[in-house]
Amino acid sequence: MPVADVTPHDGAVRRFLSALLQALDLPAPDHSRDRLAYLTLLERRAHLACASIDRLITDPRADGLDYASEGDHLLHQVADLPAYAYRHHHKE
């Protein structure tokens, strides 16, 4: 099976990794009563992130354009999810 010619220093890979981080880096809930909403949203985002990773690693011909496109696709999917529905610490 041929291996895709994508290196860790490739801008497309960095873009995809940035999208993963944005999808999974949620602010912590302020109170324990907000934890369920936080975990529910995190689970939905993690599912989207895992699906993106799976699409890339199962395609032996995935190249930089695929990584960049998948990152953009992930960010659009995350944007379609509801906003934070819990009280949380604001990031600085």
C-alpha atoms as a PDB file:
ATOM      1  CA  MET A   1       0.000   0.000   0.000  1.00  0.00           C
ATOM      2  CA  PRO A   2       1.511   3.373  -0.978  1.00  0.00           C
ATOM      3  CA  VAL A   3       2.078   5.875   1.792  1.00  0.00           C
ATOM      4  CA  ALA A   4       0.948   9.462   1.338  1.00  0.00           C
ATOM      5  CA  ASP A   5       3.666  12.055   0.983  1.00  0.00           C
ATOM      6  CA  VAL A   6       2.611  14.265   3.892  1.00  0.00           C
ATOM      7  CA  THR A   7       5.150  15.357   6.484  1.00  0.00           C
ATOM      8  CA  PRO A   8       4.505  16.677  10.000  1.00  0.00           C
ATOM      9  CA  HIS A   9       5.955  20.038   8.958  1.00  0.00           C
ATOM     10  CA  ASP A  10       3.581  20.358   6.033  1.00  0.00           C
ATOM     11  CA  GLY A  11       1.325  23.417   6.407  1.00  0.00           C
ATOM     12  CA  ALA A  12      -1.724  21.307   5.595  1.00  0.00           C
ATOM     13  CA  VAL A  13      -1.008  18.934   8.465  1.00  0.00           C
ATOM     14  CA  ARG A  14      -0.511  21.878  10.819  1.00  0.00           C
ATOM     15  CA  ARG A  15      -3.840  23.280   9.614  1.00  0.00           C
ATOM     16  CA  PHE A  16      -5.572  19.953  10.259  1.00  0.00           C
ATOM     17  CA  LEU A  17      -4.007  19.636  13.715  1.00  0.00           C
ATOM     18  CA  SER A  18      -5.097  23.198  14.501  1.00  0.00           C
ATOM     19  CA  ALA A  19      -8.664  22.275  13.520  1.00  0.00           C
ATOM     20  CA  LEU A  20      -8.512  19.223  15.794  1.00  0.00           C
ATOM     21  CA  LEU A  21      -7.340  21.374  18.678  1.00  0.00           C
ATOM     22  CA  GLN A  22     -10.074  23.938  18.087  1.00  0.00           C
ATOM     23  CA  ALA A  23     -12.676  21.165  17.992  1.00  0.00           C
ATOM     24  CA  LEU A  24     -11.527  19.484  21.199  1.00  0.00           C
ATOM     25  CA  ASP A  25     -10.286  22.374  23.351  1.00  0.00           C
ATOM     26  CA  LEU A  26     -13.408  23.373  25.259  1.00  0.00           C
ATOM     27  CA  PRO A  27     -13.393  25.656  28.273  1.00  0.00           C
ATOM     28  CA  ALA A  28     -13.905  23.849  31.569  1.00  0.00           C
ATOM     29  CA  PRO A  29     -17.314  24.173  33.196  1.00  0.00           C
ATOM     30  CA  ASP A  30     -17.616  26.534  36.166  1.00  0.00           C
ATOM     31  CA  HIS A  31     -19.738  24.206  38.254  1.00  0.00           C
ATOM     32  CA  SER A  32     -20.288  20.471  38.562  1.00  0.00           C
ATOM     33  CA  ARG A  33     -23.915  20.972  37.477  1.00  0.00           C
ATOM     34  CA  ASP A  34     -22.570  22.131  34.085  1.00  0.00           C
ATOM     35  CA  ARG A  35     -20.406  19.051  33.631  1.00  0.00           C
ATOM     36  CA  LEU A  36     -23.010  16.983  31.757  1.00  0.00           C
ATOM     37  CA  ALA A  37     -23.557  19.700  29.135  1.00  0.00           C
ATOM     38  CA  TYR A  38     -19.773  20.069  28.799  1.00  0.00           C
ATOM     39  CA  LEU A  39     -19.231  16.325  28.382  1.00  0.00           C
ATOM     40  CA  THR A  40     -22.095  16.022  25.896  1.00  0.00           C
ATOM     41  CA  LEU A  41     -20.670  18.755  23.694  1.00  0.00           C
ATOM     42  CA  LEU A  42     -17.147  17.366  24.018  1.00  0.00           C
ATOM     43  CA  GLU A  43     -18.394  13.908  23.016  1.00  0.00           C
ATOM     44  CA  ARG A  44     -20.081  15.292  19.882  1.00  0.00           C
ATOM     45  CA  ARG A  45     -16.946  17.201  18.920  1.00  0.00           C
ATOM     46  CA  ALA A  46     -14.717  14.188  19.593  1.00  0.00           C
ATOM     47  CA  HIS A  47     -16.915  12.062  17.344  1.00  0.00           C
ATOM     48  CA  LEU A  48     -16.482  14.566  14.503  1.00  0.00           C
ATOM     49  CA  ALA A  49     -12.720  14.725  15.097  1.00  0.00           C
ATOM     50  CA  CYS A  50     -12.382  10.936  15.083  1.00  0.00           C
ATOM     51  CA  ALA A  51     -14.373  10.694  11.855  1.00  0.00           C
ATOM     52  CA  SER A  52     -12.015  13.224  10.238  1.00  0.00           C
ATOM     53  CA  ILE A  53      -8.950  11.317  11.382  1.00  0.00           C
ATOM     54  CA  ASP A  54     -10.443   8.050  10.152  1.00  0.00           C
ATOM     55  CA  ARG A  55     -11.164   9.465   6.688  1.00  0.00           C
ATOM     56  CA  LEU A  56      -7.537  10.569   6.354  1.00  0.00           C
ATOM     57  CA  ILE A  57      -5.808   7.472   7.689  1.00  0.00           C
ATOM     58  CA  THR A  58      -7.949   5.067   5.669  1.00  0.00           C
ATOM     59  CA  ASP A  59      -7.133   6.851   2.404  1.00  0.00           C
ATOM     60  CA  PRO A  60      -3.608   5.824   1.396  1.00  0.00           C
ATOM     61  CA  ARG A  61      -3.570   8.562  -1.248  1.00  0.00           C
ATOM     62  CA  ALA A  62      -4.483  11.389   1.132  1.00  0.00           C
ATOM     63  CA  ASP A  63      -2.223  14.345   0.437  1.00  0.00           C
ATOM     64  CA  GLY A  64      -1.780  17.830   1.813  1.00  0.00           C
ATOM     65  CA  LEU A  65      -4.883  19.123   0.084  1.00  0.00           C
ATOM     66  CA  ASP A  66      -6.932  16.359   1.720  1.00  0.00           C
ATOM     67  CA  TYR A  67      -5.569  17.285   5.153  1.00  0.00           C
ATOM     68  CA  ALA A  68      -6.327  20.978   4.656  1.00  0.00           C
ATOM     69  CA  SER A  69      -9.811  20.234   3.286  1.00  0.00           C
ATOM     70  CA  GLU A  70     -10.575  17.858   6.141  1.00  0.00           C
ATOM     71  CA  GLY A  71      -9.506  20.505   8.659  1.00  0.00           C
ATOM     72  CA  ASP A  72     -11.813  23.057   7.053  1.00  0.00           C
ATOM     73  CA  HIS A  73     -14.634  20.508   6.946  1.00  0.00           C
ATOM     74  CA  LEU A  74     -14.170  19.724  10.638  1.00  0.00           C
ATOM     75  CA  LEU A  75     -14.294  23.406  11.591  1.00  0.00           C
ATOM     76  CA  HIS A  76     -17.517  23.865   9.605  1.00  0.00           C
ATOM     77  CA  GLN A  77     -19.087  20.856  11.308  1.00  0.00           C
ATOM     78  CA  VAL A  78     -18.099  22.145  14.741  1.00  0.00           C
ATOM     79  CA  ALA A  79     -19.524  25.569  13.887  1.00  0.00           C
ATOM     80  CA  ASP A  80     -22.871  23.900  13.154  1.00  0.00           C
ATOM     81  CA  LEU A  81     -23.037  22.516  16.707  1.00  0.00           C
ATOM     82  CA  PRO A  82     -24.708  24.528  19.436  1.00  0.00           C
ATOM     83  CA  ALA A  83     -22.595  27.078  21.249  1.00  0.00           C
ATOM     84  CA  TYR A  84     -21.394  26.394  24.772  1.00  0.00           C
ATOM     85  CA  ALA A  85     -24.576  25.605  26.669  1.00  0.00           C
ATOM     86  CA  TYR A  86     -22.922  25.745  30.067  1.00  0.00           C
ATOM     87  CA  ARG A  87     -21.212  28.243  32.320  1.00  0.00           C
ATOM     88  CA  HIS A  88     -17.490  28.159  31.791  1.00  0.00           C
ATOM     89  CA  HIS A  89     -14.207  29.896  32.434  1.00  0.00           C
ATOM     90  CA  HIS A  90     -13.404  32.338  29.648  1.00  0.00           C
ATOM     91  CA  LYS A  91     -10.078  31.734  27.931  1.00  0.00           C
ATOM     92  CA  GLU A  92      -7.621  34.588  27.764  1.00  0.00           C
END
